[in-house]
């Protein structure tokens, strides 16, 4: 099976350097990226969003949500954003 590449957007990169998300970034790189490289479409913490955002998936990390888009053609997972659950769906 093909391994997906991970691409982070500028928005995401800026956000994970802030104090609020710094502690999560190590966990994301060490634990979540390997899972997404294997299969970014299915898993216990993975859900596809609905409606106008149906192209986007979310990965649950406790109270936080990691949002990403998958490109099947280029085999790349684009990490779009991370947000606290209480703010994520507004």
Protein backbone atom coordinates (compact mmCIF):
# COMPACT_ATOMS: atom_id res chain seq x y z
CA UNK A 1 0.00 0.00 0.00
CA UNK A 2 1.16 3.52 -0.78
CA UNK A 3 2.35 5.75 2.01
CA UNK A 4 0.82 9.20 2.03
CA UNK A 5 2.99 12.28 2.34
CA UNK A 6 2.11 14.94 4.88
CA UNK A 7 1.93 18.60 3.82
CA UNK A 8 1.20 21.32 6.37
CA UNK A 9 -0.45 24.57 5.36
CA UNK A 10 1.04 27.90 6.46
CA UNK A 11 -1.99 28.50 8.68
CA UNK A 12 -1.35 25.24 10.50
CA UNK A 13 2.41 25.82 10.78
CA UNK A 14 1.88 29.27 12.32
CA UNK A 15 -0.70 27.94 14.75
CA UNK A 16 1.41 25.05 16.10
CA UNK A 17 4.25 27.40 16.97
CA UNK A 18 1.98 29.27 19.42
CA UNK A 19 2.06 28.36 23.10
CA UNK A 20 -1.49 27.02 22.97
CA UNK A 21 -0.68 24.25 20.46
CA UNK A 22 3.05 23.64 20.89
CA UNK A 23 2.54 20.73 23.31
CA UNK A 24 0.23 19.00 20.84
CA UNK A 25 2.56 19.28 17.87
CA UNK A 26 5.01 16.65 19.15
CA UNK A 27 2.14 14.21 19.66
CA UNK A 28 0.83 14.99 16.19
CA UNK A 29 4.22 14.38 14.56
CA UNK A 30 5.07 11.25 16.59
CA UNK A 31 1.71 9.48 16.75
CA UNK A 32 -0.81 10.92 14.34
CA UNK A 33 1.25 11.49 11.20
CA UNK A 34 2.31 7.80 11.02
CA UNK A 35 -1.37 6.80 11.24
CA UNK A 36 -2.36 9.30 8.54
CA UNK A 37 0.51 8.13 6.30
CA UNK A 38 -0.86 4.58 6.43
CA UNK A 39 -4.56 5.33 5.98
CA UNK A 40 -5.91 8.87 6.32
CA UNK A 41 -9.47 7.91 5.36
CA UNK A 42 -10.50 5.41 8.03
CA UNK A 43 -9.79 4.97 11.72
CA UNK A 44 -11.30 5.23 15.17
CA UNK A 45 -10.60 8.98 15.50
CA UNK A 46 -11.21 9.90 11.87
CA UNK A 47 -14.45 11.32 10.52
CA UNK A 48 -15.37 12.96 7.26
CA UNK A 49 -17.15 16.29 7.62
CA UNK A 50 -20.57 16.85 6.05
CA UNK A 51 -22.18 19.39 3.74
CA UNK A 52 -19.97 21.98 2.09
CA UNK A 53 -16.94 20.60 3.97
CA UNK A 54 -17.32 17.00 2.79
CA UNK A 55 -13.82 17.08 1.26
CA UNK A 56 -12.33 17.62 4.71
CA UNK A 57 -11.60 15.03 7.40
CA UNK A 58 -11.07 15.55 11.08
CA UNK A 59 -8.89 13.63 13.50
CA UNK A 60 -9.89 13.72 17.16
CA UNK A 61 -7.10 14.44 19.67
CA UNK A 62 -8.84 14.70 23.03
CA UNK A 63 -10.47 18.14 23.13
CA UNK A 64 -8.78 19.18 19.88
CA UNK A 65 -9.58 18.54 16.24
CA UNK A 66 -7.02 18.25 13.46
CA UNK A 67 -8.54 19.08 10.07
CA UNK A 68 -7.07 17.78 6.83
CA UNK A 69 -7.80 17.08 3.20
CA UNK A 70 -6.66 14.00 1.27
CA UNK A 71 -5.48 14.06 -2.33
CA UNK A 72 -5.73 10.55 -3.74
CA UNK A 73 -4.04 11.50 -7.04
CA UNK A 74 -0.90 12.93 -5.46
CA UNK A 75 -1.05 10.70 -2.35
CA UNK A 76 -0.74 13.71 -0.04
CA UNK A 77 -2.51 14.56 3.20
CA UNK A 78 -2.85 18.35 3.52
CA UNK A 79 -3.01 19.36 7.18
CA UNK A 80 -5.25 22.41 7.17
CA UNK A 81 -5.89 23.45 10.77
CA UNK A 82 -6.10 22.47 14.41
CA UNK A 83 -8.71 23.85 16.77
CA UNK A 84 -10.14 23.27 20.21
CA UNK A 85 -13.38 21.31 19.95
CA UNK A 86 -15.45 24.09 21.50
CA UNK A 87 -14.30 26.53 18.79
CA UNK A 88 -13.88 24.13 15.87
CA UNK A 89 -17.40 23.98 14.50
CA UNK A 90 -18.41 27.64 14.75
